């Protein structure tokens, strides 16, 4: 089974692809989708959308796990990260019939 794990963010969205075979995990790749702070927020979300689609198309995961959000103080950051997580969930749902 191939699993894509995603740590959402609008500046940096981390990801790892692992294979789980015979009770063992093997790291296939990991990295980050980085967006430029000088870009408009909608363009940053668009970049996350495009890059995540490319990652899914390249690695064909059987399952995708997206980290839940936890914020204590900064509401503005929480809202922006939640929007980035929303884009990630849209990608995941749009790929459901393709790979997942």
PDB file of N, CA and C in Angstrom:
ATOM      1  N   UNK A   1       0.834  -1.165   0.000  1.00  0.00           N
ATOM      2  CA  UNK A   1       0.000   0.000   0.000  1.00  0.00           C
ATOM      3  C   UNK A   1       0.887   1.239   0.000  1.00  0.00           C
ATOM      4  N   UNK A   2       0.569   2.186  -0.846  1.00  0.00           N
ATOM      5  CA  UNK A   2       1.304   3.446  -0.922  1.00  0.00           C
ATOM      6  C   UNK A   2       0.480   4.540  -0.238  1.00  0.00           C
ATOM      7  N   UNK A   3       1.137   5.271   0.657  1.00  0.00           N
ATOM      8  CA  UNK A   3       0.469   6.298   1.450  1.00  0.00           C
ATOM      9  C   UNK A   3       1.150   7.641   1.238  1.00  0.00           C
ATOM     10  N   UNK A   4       0.335   8.671   1.018  1.00  0.00           N
ATOM     11  CA  UNK A   4       0.812  10.048   0.943  1.00  0.00           C
ATOM     12  C   UNK A   4       0.357  10.755   2.211  1.00  0.00           C
ATOM     13  N   UNK A   5       1.307  11.231   2.996  1.00  0.00           N
ATOM     14  CA  UNK A   5       1.004  12.000   4.202  1.00  0.00           C
ATOM     15  C   UNK A   5       1.282  13.466   3.941  1.00  0.00           C
ATOM     16  N   UNK A   6       0.359  14.334   4.383  1.00  0.00           N
ATOM     17  CA  UNK A   6       0.476  15.763   4.101  1.00  0.00           C
ATOM     18  C   UNK A   6       0.341  16.569   5.390  1.00  0.00           C
ATOM     19  N   UNK A   7       1.268  17.511   5.561  1.00  0.00           N
ATOM     20  CA  UNK A   7       1.234  18.471   6.666  1.00  0.00           C
ATOM     21  C   UNK A   7       0.883  19.835   6.056  1.00  0.00           C
ATOM     22  N   UNK A   8      -0.370  20.284   6.189  1.00  0.00           N
ATOM     23  CA  UNK A   8      -0.820  21.482   5.477  1.00  0.00           C
ATOM     24  C   UNK A   8      -0.191  22.771   5.985  1.00  0.00           C
ATOM     25  N   UNK A   9      -0.020  23.695   5.064  1.00  0.00           N
ATOM     26  CA  UNK A   9       0.424  25.048   5.370  1.00  0.00           C
ATOM     27  C   UNK A   9       0.310  25.864   4.101  1.00  0.00           C
ATOM     28  N   UNK A  10       0.235  27.168   4.225  1.00  0.00           N
ATOM     29  CA  UNK A  10       0.151  27.981   3.009  1.00  0.00           C
ATOM     30  C   UNK A  10       1.514  28.497   2.589  1.00  0.00           C
ATOM     31  N   UNK A  11       2.473  28.538   3.496  1.00  0.00           N
ATOM     32  CA  UNK A  11       3.851  28.884   3.159  1.00  0.00           C
ATOM     33  C   UNK A  11       4.638  27.642   2.778  1.00  0.00           C
ATOM     34  N   UNK A  12       4.446  26.603   3.577  1.00  0.00           N
ATOM     35  CA  UNK A  12       5.112  25.319   3.345  1.00  0.00           C
ATOM     36  C   UNK A  12       4.111  24.208   3.630  1.00  0.00           C
ATOM     37  N   UNK A  13       3.890  23.373   2.648  1.00  0.00           N
ATOM     38  CA  UNK A  13       3.077  22.166   2.811  1.00  0.00           C
ATOM     39  C   UNK A  13       4.029  20.985   2.685  1.00  0.00           C
ATOM     40  N   UNK A  14       4.208  20.281   3.786  1.00  0.00           N
ATOM     41  CA  UNK A  14       5.109  19.138   3.777  1.00  0.00           C
ATOM     42  C   UNK A  14       4.394  17.873   3.329  1.00  0.00           C
ATOM     43  N   UNK A  15       5.149  16.955   2.746  1.00  0.00           N
ATOM     44  CA  UNK A  15       4.560  15.687   2.323  1.00  0.00           C
ATOM     45  C   UNK A  15       5.602  14.582   2.356  1.00  0.00           C
ATOM     46  N   UNK A  16       5.108  13.361   2.512  1.00  0.00           N
ATOM     47  CA  UNK A  16       5.941  12.167   2.402  1.00  0.00           C
ATOM     48  C   UNK A  16       5.128  11.078   1.735  1.00  0.00           C
ATOM     49  N   UNK A  17       5.803  10.286   0.936  1.00  0.00           N
ATOM     50  CA  UNK A  17       5.187   9.117   0.308  1.00  0.00           C
ATOM     51  C   UNK A  17       5.918   7.905   0.860  1.00  0.00           C
ATOM     52  N   UNK A  18       5.141   6.978   1.408  1.00  0.00           N
ATOM     53  CA  UNK A  18       5.731   5.752   1.947  1.00  0.00           C
ATOM     54  C   UNK A  18       4.993   4.546   1.382  1.00  0.00           C
ATOM     55  N   UNK A  19       5.708   3.439   1.294  1.00  0.00           N
ATOM     56  CA  UNK A  19       5.107   2.159   0.957  1.00  0.00           C
ATOM     57  C   UNK A  19       5.045   1.321   2.225  1.00  0.00           C
ATOM     58  N   UNK A  20       3.917   0.652   2.409  1.00  0.00           N
ATOM     59  CA  UNK A  20       3.747  -0.263   3.537  1.00  0.00           C
ATOM     60  C   UNK A  20       3.553  -1.661   2.965  1.00  0.00           C
ATOM     61  N   UNK A  21       4.578  -2.488   3.132  1.00  0.00           N
ATOM     62  CA  UNK A  21       4.551  -3.843   2.574  1.00  0.00           C
ATOM     63  C   UNK A  21       5.083  -4.808   3.635  1.00  0.00           C
ATOM     64  N   UNK A  22       4.306  -5.835   3.927  1.00  0.00           N
ATOM     65  CA  UNK A  22       4.762  -6.868   4.860  1.00  0.00           C
ATOM     66  C   UNK A  22       5.126  -6.332   6.225  1.00  0.00           C
ATOM     67  N   UNK A  23       4.312  -5.481   6.794  1.00  0.00           N
ATOM     68  CA  UNK A  23       4.537  -4.880   8.115  1.00  0.00           C
ATOM     69  C   UNK A  23       5.787  -4.009   8.186  1.00  0.00           C
ATOM     70  N   UNK A  24       6.247  -3.523   7.033  1.00  0.00           N
ATOM     71  CA  UNK A  24       7.406  -2.636   7.001  1.00  0.00           C
ATOM     72  C   UNK A  24       7.068  -1.394   6.184  1.00  0.00           C
ATOM     73  N   UNK A  25       7.619  -0.278   6.635  1.00  0.00           N
ATOM     74  CA  UNK A  25       7.457   0.983   5.935  1.00  0.00           C
ATOM     75  C   UNK A  25       8.740   1.321   5.191  1.00  0.00           C
ATOM     76  N   UNK A  26       8.575   1.853   3.987  1.00  0.00           N
ATOM     77  CA  UNK A  26       9.723   2.293   3.191  1.00  0.00           C
ATOM     78  C   UNK A  26       9.430   3.689   2.662  1.00  0.00           C
ATOM     79  N   UNK A  27      10.313   4.623   2.967  1.00  0.00           N
ATOM     80  CA  UNK A  27      10.160   5.988   2.477  1.00  0.00           C
ATOM     81  C   UNK A  27      10.475   6.026   0.989  1.00  0.00           C
ATOM     82  N   UNK A  28       9.530   6.539   0.203  1.00  0.00           N
ATOM     83  CA  UNK A  28       9.728   6.681  -1.236  1.00  0.00           C
ATOM     84  C   UNK A  28      10.255   8.079  -1.550  1.00  0.00           C
ATOM     85  N   UNK A  29       9.625   9.091  -0.985  1.00  0.00           N
ATOM     86  CA  UNK A  29      10.078  10.471  -1.163  1.00  0.00           C
ATOM     87  C   UNK A  29       9.450  11.342  -0.089  1.00  0.00           C
ATOM     88  N   UNK A  30      10.046  12.488   0.120  1.00  0.00           N
ATOM     89  CA  UNK A  30       9.448  13.502   0.991  1.00  0.00           C
ATOM     90  C   UNK A  30       9.924  14.855   0.502  1.00  0.00           C
ATOM     91  N   UNK A  31       9.173  15.861   0.850  1.00  0.00           N
ATOM     92  CA  UNK A  31       9.538  17.199   0.409  1.00  0.00           C
ATOM     93  C   UNK A  31       8.535  18.223   0.881  1.00  0.00           C
ATOM     94  N   UNK A  32       8.570  19.362   0.233  1.00  0.00           N
ATOM     95  CA  UNK A  32       7.685  20.449   0.624  1.00  0.00           C
ATOM     96  C   UNK A  32       7.263  21.243  -0.604  1.00  0.00           C
ATOM     97  N   UNK A  33       6.020  21.662  -0.568  1.00  0.00           N
ATOM     98  CA  UNK A  33       5.517  22.625  -1.543  1.00  0.00           C
ATOM     99  C   UNK A  33       5.680  23.983  -0.875  1.00  0.00           C
ATOM    100  N   UNK A  34       6.537  24.812  -1.446  1.00  0.00           N
ATOM    101  CA  UNK A  34       6.804  26.126  -0.857  1.00  0.00           C
ATOM    102  C   UNK A  34       6.210  27.208  -1.747  1.00  0.00           C
ATOM    103  N   UNK A  35       5.500  28.140  -1.114  1.00  0.00           N
ATOM    104  CA  UNK A  35       4.926  29.250  -1.873  1.00  0.00           C
ATOM    105  C   UNK A  35       5.616  30.541  -1.459  1.00  0.00           C
ATOM    106  N   UNK A  36       5.737  31.448  -2.393  1.00  0.00           N
ATOM    107  CA  UNK A  36       6.415  32.723  -2.183  1.00  0.00           C
ATOM    108  C   UNK A  36       5.513  33.677  -1.398  1.00  0.00           C
ATOM    109  N   UNK A  37       6.011  34.199  -0.303  1.00  0.00           N
ATOM    110  CA  UNK A  37       5.244  35.109   0.543  1.00  0.00           C
ATOM    111  C   UNK A  37       4.843  36.384  -0.189  1.00  0.00           C
ATOM    112  N   UNK A  38       5.520  36.709  -1.281  1.00  0.00           N
ATOM    113  CA  UNK A  38       5.204  37.915  -2.043  1.00  0.00           C
ATOM    114  C   UNK A  38       4.025  37.696  -3.001  1.00  0.00           C
ATOM    115  N   UNK A  39       3.644  36.427  -3.219  1.00  0.00           N
ATOM    116  CA  UNK A  39       2.519  36.123  -4.095  1.00  0.00           C
ATOM    117  C   UNK A  39       1.206  36.419  -3.376  1.00  0.00           C
ATOM    118  N   UNK A  40       0.164  36.684  -4.154  1.00  0.00           N
ATOM    119  CA  UNK A  40      -1.156  36.861  -3.542  1.00  0.00           C
ATOM    120  C   UNK A  40      -1.593  35.530  -2.932  1.00  0.00           C
ATOM    121  N   UNK A  41      -2.423  35.623  -1.913  1.00  0.00           N
ATOM    122  CA  UNK A  41      -2.853  34.407  -1.226  1.00  0.00           C
ATOM    123  C   UNK A  41      -3.581  33.445  -2.166  1.00  0.00           C
ATOM    124  N   UNK A  42      -4.499  33.914  -3.024  1.00  0.00           N
ATOM    125  CA  UNK A  42      -5.146  32.975  -3.944  1.00  0.00           C
ATOM    126  C   UNK A  42      -4.154  32.259  -4.871  1.00  0.00           C
ATOM    127  N   UNK A  43      -3.111  32.951  -5.312  1.00  0.00           N
ATOM    128  CA  UNK A  43      -2.099  32.298  -6.152  1.00  0.00           C
ATOM    129  C   UNK A  43      -1.305  31.264  -5.367  1.00  0.00           C
ATOM    130  N   UNK A  44      -1.089  31.525  -4.094  1.00  0.00           N
ATOM    131  CA  UNK A  44      -0.401  30.553  -3.254  1.00  0.00           C
ATOM    132  C   UNK A  44      -1.235  29.280  -3.132  1.00  0.00           C
ATOM    133  N   UNK A  45      -2.539  29.443  -2.924  1.00  0.00           N
ATOM    134  CA  UNK A  45      -3.426  28.283  -2.840  1.00  0.00           C
ATOM    135  C   UNK A  45      -3.453  27.528  -4.164  1.00  0.00           C
ATOM    136  N   UNK A  46      -3.446  28.263  -5.258  1.00  0.00           N
ATOM    137  CA  UNK A  46      -3.434  27.645  -6.587  1.00  0.00           C
ATOM    138  C   UNK A  46      -2.158  26.835  -6.799  1.00  0.00           C
ATOM    139  N   UNK A  47      -1.046  27.348  -6.332  1.00  0.00           N
ATOM    140  CA  UNK A  47       0.228  26.629  -6.461  1.00  0.00           C
ATOM    141  C   UNK A  47       0.201  25.331  -5.657  1.00  0.00           C
ATOM    142  N   UNK A  48      -0.364  25.378  -4.453  1.00  0.00           N
ATOM    143  CA  UNK A  48      -0.498  24.163  -3.642  1.00  0.00           C
ATOM    144  C   UNK A  48      -1.354  23.145  -4.388  1.00  0.00           C
ATOM    145  N   UNK A  49      -2.456  23.599  -4.941  1.00  0.00           N
ATOM    146  CA  UNK A  49      -3.367  22.731  -5.693  1.00  0.00           C
ATOM    147  C   UNK A  49      -2.639  22.053  -6.859  1.00  0.00           C
ATOM    148  N   UNK A  50      -1.952  22.846  -7.654  1.00  0.00           N
ATOM    149  CA  UNK A  50      -1.258  22.327  -8.838  1.00  0.00           C
ATOM    150  C   UNK A  50      -0.141  21.361  -8.462  1.00  0.00           C
ATOM    151  N   UNK A  51       0.689  21.761  -7.502  1.00  0.00           N
ATOM    152  CA  UNK A  51       1.821  20.913  -7.115  1.00  0.00           C
ATOM    153  C   UNK A  51       1.359  19.608  -6.473  1.00  0.00           C
ATOM    154  N   UNK A  52       0.311  19.672  -5.659  1.00  0.00           N
ATOM    155  CA  UNK A  52      -0.181  18.452  -5.023  1.00  0.00           C
ATOM    156  C   UNK A  52      -0.779  17.497  -6.054  1.00  0.00           C
ATOM    157  N   UNK A  53      -1.474  18.030  -7.034  1.00  0.00           N
ATOM    158  CA  UNK A  53      -1.977  17.184  -8.125  1.00  0.00           C
ATOM    159  C   UNK A  53      -0.827  16.477  -8.831  1.00  0.00           C
ATOM    160  N   UNK A  54       0.264  17.190  -9.066  1.00  0.00           N
ATOM    161  CA  UNK A  54       1.437  16.601  -9.720  1.00  0.00           C
ATOM    162  C   UNK A  54       2.031  15.482  -8.869  1.00  0.00           C
ATOM    163  N   UNK A  55       2.140  15.711  -7.569  1.00  0.00           N
ATOM    164  CA  UNK A  55       2.686  14.691  -6.667  1.00  0.00           C
ATOM    165  C   UNK A  55       1.816  13.441  -6.709  1.00  0.00           C
ATOM    166  N   UNK A  56       0.512  13.618  -6.642  1.00  0.00           N
ATOM    167  CA  UNK A  56      -0.398  12.471  -6.673  1.00  0.00           C
ATOM    168  C   UNK A  56      -0.300  11.735  -8.004  1.00  0.00           C
ATOM    169  N   UNK A  57      -0.246  12.486  -9.099  1.00  0.00           N
ATOM    170  CA  UNK A  57      -0.131  11.859 -10.415  1.00  0.00           C
ATOM    171  C   UNK A  57       1.195  11.107 -10.588  1.00  0.00           C
ATOM    172  N   UNK A  58       2.256  11.591  -9.949  1.00  0.00           N
ATOM    173  CA  UNK A  58       3.560  10.936 -10.064  1.00  0.00           C
ATOM    174  C   UNK A  58       3.683   9.675  -9.203  1.00  0.00           C
ATOM    175  N   UNK A  59       3.050   9.668  -8.019  1.00  0.00           N
ATOM    176  CA  UNK A  59       3.281   8.582  -7.065  1.00  0.00           C
ATOM    177  C   UNK A  59       2.083   7.650  -6.874  1.00  0.00           C
ATOM    178  N   UNK A  60       0.920   7.996  -7.383  1.00  0.00           N
ATOM    179  CA  UNK A  60      -0.266   7.129  -7.351  1.00  0.00           C
ATOM    180  C   UNK A  60      -0.528   6.511  -5.975  1.00  0.00           C
ATOM    181  N   UNK A  61      -0.769   7.338  -4.942  1.00  0.00           N
ATOM    182  CA  UNK A  61      -1.009   6.763  -3.616  1.00  0.00           C
ATOM    183  C   UNK A  61      -2.326   6.002  -3.553  1.00  0.00           C
ATOM    184  N   UNK A  62      -2.349   4.972  -2.708  1.00  0.00           N
ATOM    185  CA  UNK A  62      -3.580   4.237  -2.434  1.00  0.00           C
ATOM    186  C   UNK A  62      -4.396   4.936  -1.357  1.00  0.00           C
ATOM    187  N   UNK A  63      -3.713   5.713  -0.531  1.00  0.00           N
ATOM    188  CA  UNK A  63      -4.368   6.400   0.570  1.00  0.00           C
ATOM    189  C   UNK A  63      -3.662   7.732   0.813  1.00  0.00           C
ATOM    190  N   UNK A  64      -4.438   8.723   1.266  1.00  0.00           N
ATOM    191  CA  UNK A  64      -3.868  10.031   1.599  1.00  0.00           C
ATOM    192  C   UNK A  64      -4.299  10.397   3.011  1.00  0.00           C
ATOM    193  N   UNK A  65      -3.338  10.819   3.808  1.00  0.00           N
ATOM    194  CA  UNK A  65      -3.611  11.256   5.168  1.00  0.00           C
ATOM    195  C   UNK A  65      -3.226  12.730   5.281  1.00  0.00           C
ATOM    196  N   UNK A  66      -4.159  13.546   5.794  1.00  0.00           N
ATOM    197  CA  UNK A  66      -3.917  14.978   5.943  1.00  0.00           C
ATOM    198  C   UNK A  66      -3.982  15.317   7.430  1.00  0.00           C
ATOM    199  N   UNK A  67      -2.927  15.946   7.921  1.00  0.00           N
ATOM    200  CA  UNK A  67      -2.850  16.279   9.334  1.00  0.00           C
ATOM    201  C   UNK A  67      -3.975  17.232   9.726  1.00  0.00           C
ATOM    202  N   UNK A  68      -4.541  16.985  10.905  1.00  0.00           N
ATOM    203  CA  UNK A  68      -5.532  17.898  11.481  1.00  0.00           C
ATOM    204  C   UNK A  68      -4.822  19.160  11.954  1.00  0.00           C
ATOM    205  N   UNK A  69      -5.576  20.258  12.033  1.00  0.00           N
ATOM    206  CA  UNK A  69      -4.995  21.525  12.450  1.00  0.00           C
ATOM    207  C   UNK A  69      -5.177  21.744  13.942  1.00  0.00           C
ATOM    208  N   UNK A  70      -4.167  22.351  14.560  1.00  0.00           N
ATOM    209  CA  UNK A  70      -4.265  22.774  15.947  1.00  0.00           C
ATOM    210  C   UNK A  70      -3.602  24.135  16.070  1.00  0.00           C
ATOM    211  N   UNK A  71      -4.359  25.114  16.556  1.00  0.00           N
ATOM    212  CA  UNK A  71      -3.820  26.456  16.776  1.00  0.00           C
ATOM    213  C   UNK A  71      -4.261  26.950  18.125  1.00  0.00           C
ATOM    214  N   UNK A  72      -3.383  27.695  18.762  1.00  0.00           N
ATOM    215  CA  UNK A  72      -3.677  28.188  20.095  1.00  0.00           C
ATOM    216  C   UNK A  72      -4.045  29.667  20.094  1.00  0.00           C
ATOM    217  N   UNK A  73      -3.264  30.524  19.402  1.00  0.00           N
ATOM    218  CA  UNK A  73      -3.444  31.958  19.555  1.00  0.00           C
ATOM    219  C   UNK A  73      -3.774  32.725  18.278  1.00  0.00           C
ATOM    220  N   UNK A  74      -3.048  32.511  17.212  1.00  0.00           N
ATOM    221  CA  UNK A  74      -3.122  33.373  16.042  1.00  0.00           C
ATOM    222  C   UNK A  74      -4.262  32.966  15.102  1.00  0.00           C
ATOM    223  N   UNK A  75      -5.386  33.679  15.187  1.00  0.00           N
ATOM    224  CA  UNK A  75      -6.576  33.339  14.402  1.00  0.00           C
ATOM    225  C   UNK A  75      -6.340  33.551  12.911  1.00  0.00           C
ATOM    226  N   UNK A  76      -5.615  34.604  12.532  1.00  0.00           N
ATOM    227  CA  UNK A  76      -5.383  34.859  11.107  1.00  0.00           C
ATOM    228  C   UNK A  76      -4.585  33.725  10.476  1.00  0.00           C
ATOM    229  N   UNK A  77      -3.538  33.286  11.140  1.00  0.00           N
ATOM    230  CA  UNK A  77      -2.746  32.166  10.636  1.00  0.00           C
ATOM    231  C   UNK A  77      -3.609  30.908  10.560  1.00  0.00           C
ATOM    232  N   UNK A  78      -4.417  30.681  11.577  1.00  0.00           N
ATOM    233  CA  UNK A  78      -5.280  29.498  11.605  1.00  0.00           C
ATOM    234  C   UNK A  78      -6.236  29.490  10.415  1.00  0.00           C
ATOM    235  N   UNK A  79      -6.811  30.633  10.107  1.00  0.00           N
ATOM    236  CA  UNK A  79      -7.755  30.712   8.985  1.00  0.00           C
ATOM    237  C   UNK A  79      -7.039  30.442   7.664  1.00  0.00           C
ATOM    238  N   UNK A  80      -5.874  31.017   7.475  1.00  0.00           N
ATOM    239  CA  UNK A  80      -5.132  30.809   6.226  1.00  0.00           C
ATOM    240  C   UNK A  80      -4.685  29.354   6.065  1.00  0.00           C
ATOM    241  N   UNK A  81      -4.202  28.757   7.141  1.00  0.00           N
ATOM    242  CA  UNK A  81      -3.787  27.352   7.062  1.00  0.00           C
ATOM    243  C   UNK A  81      -5.014  26.471   6.822  1.00  0.00           C
ATOM    244  N   UNK A  82      -6.130  26.824   7.430  1.00  0.00           N
ATOM    245  CA  UNK A  82      -7.363  26.062   7.201  1.00  0.00           C
ATOM    246  C   UNK A  82      -7.780  26.140   5.733  1.00  0.00           C
ATOM    247  N   UNK A  83      -7.596  27.293   5.113  1.00  0.00           N
ATOM    248  CA  UNK A  83      -7.910  27.411   3.688  1.00  0.00           C
ATOM    249  C   UNK A  83      -6.972  26.537   2.851  1.00  0.00           C
ATOM    250  N   UNK A  84      -5.704  26.507   3.201  1.00  0.00           N
ATOM    251  CA  UNK A  84      -4.754  25.637   2.498  1.00  0.00           C
ATOM    252  C   UNK A  84      -5.145  24.177   2.685  1.00  0.00           C
ATOM    253  N   UNK A  85      -5.549  23.815   3.894  1.00  0.00           N
ATOM    254  CA  UNK A  85      -5.990  22.440   4.151  1.00  0.00           C
ATOM    255  C   UNK A  85      -7.226  22.125   3.314  1.00  0.00           C
ATOM    256  N   UNK A  86      -8.110  23.098   3.168  1.00  0.00           N
ATOM    257  CA  UNK A  86      -9.297  22.907   2.332  1.00  0.00           C
ATOM    258  C   UNK A  86      -8.935  22.603   0.886  1.00  0.00           C
ATOM    259  N   UNK A  87      -7.953  23.317   0.352  1.00  0.00           N
ATOM    260  CA  UNK A  87      -7.487  23.053  -1.020  1.00  0.00           C
ATOM    261  C   UNK A  87      -6.950  21.630  -1.109  1.00  0.00           C
ATOM    262  N   UNK A  88      -6.197  21.214  -0.111  1.00  0.00           N
ATOM    263  CA  UNK A  88      -5.630  19.864  -0.091  1.00  0.00           C
ATOM    264  C   UNK A  88      -6.747  18.818  -0.076  1.00  0.00           C
ATOM    265  N   UNK A  89      -7.785  19.053   0.715  1.00  0.00           N
ATOM    266  CA  UNK A  89      -8.898  18.109   0.774  1.00  0.00           C
ATOM    267  C   UNK A  89      -9.660  18.046  -0.549  1.00  0.00           C
ATOM    268  N   UNK A  90      -9.762  19.183  -1.232  1.00  0.00           N
ATOM    269  CA  UNK A  90     -10.402  19.197  -2.550  1.00  0.00           C
ATOM    270  C   UNK A  90      -9.603  18.334  -3.528  1.00  0.00           C
ATOM    271  N   UNK A  91      -8.290  18.475  -3.512  1.00  0.00           N
ATOM    272  CA  UNK A  91      -7.449  17.647  -4.389  1.00  0.00           C
ATOM    273  C   UNK A  91      -7.656  16.179  -4.052  1.00  0.00           C
ATOM    274  N   UNK A  92      -7.629  15.860  -2.766  1.00  0.00           N
ATOM    275  CA  UNK A  92      -7.796  14.465  -2.339  1.00  0.00           C
ATOM    276  C   UNK A  92      -9.127  13.906  -2.831  1.00  0.00           C
ATOM    277  N   UNK A  93     -10.188  14.666  -2.680  1.00  0.00           N
ATOM    278  CA  UNK A  93     -11.502  14.198  -3.118  1.00  0.00           C
ATOM    279  C   UNK A  93     -11.594  14.084  -4.638  1.00  0.00           C
ATOM    280  N   UNK A  94     -10.947  15.013  -5.351  1.00  0.00           N
ATOM    281  CA  UNK A  94     -11.011  14.973  -6.814  1.00  0.00           C
ATOM    282  C   UNK A  94     -10.255  13.783  -7.381  1.00  0.00           C
ATOM    283  N   UNK A  95      -9.292  13.253  -6.639  1.00  0.00           N
ATOM    284  CA  UNK A  95      -8.487  12.118  -7.096  1.00  0.00           C
ATOM    285  C   UNK A  95      -9.038  10.782  -6.611  1.00  0.00           C
ATOM    286  N   UNK A  96     -10.092  10.804  -5.812  1.00  0.00           N
ATOM    287  CA  UNK A  96     -10.594   9.584  -5.183  1.00  0.00           C
ATOM    288  C   UNK A  96     -10.852   8.455  -6.173  1.00  0.00           C
ATOM    289  N   UNK A  97     -11.478   8.749  -7.284  1.00  0.00           N
ATOM    290  CA  UNK A  97     -11.795   7.706  -8.260  1.00  0.00           C
ATOM    291  C   UNK A  97     -10.609   7.349  -9.146  1.00  0.00           C
ATOM    292  N   UNK A  98      -9.576   8.176  -9.122  1.00  0.00           N
ATOM    293  CA  UNK A  98      -8.413   7.920  -9.958  1.00  0.00           C
ATOM    294  C   UNK A  98      -7.432   6.975  -9.285  1.00  0.00           C
ATOM    295  N   UNK A  99      -7.007   7.327  -8.062  1.00  0.00           N
ATOM    296  CA  UNK A  99      -5.984   6.525  -7.390  1.00  0.00           C
ATOM    297  C   UNK A  99      -6.448   5.995  -6.049  1.00  0.00           C
ATOM    298  N   UNK A 100      -7.258   6.748  -5.362  1.00  0.00           N
ATOM    299  CA  UNK A 100      -7.544   6.441  -3.957  1.00  0.00           C
ATOM    300  C   UNK A 100      -8.831   5.662  -3.810  1.00  0.00           C
TER     301      UNK A 100
END
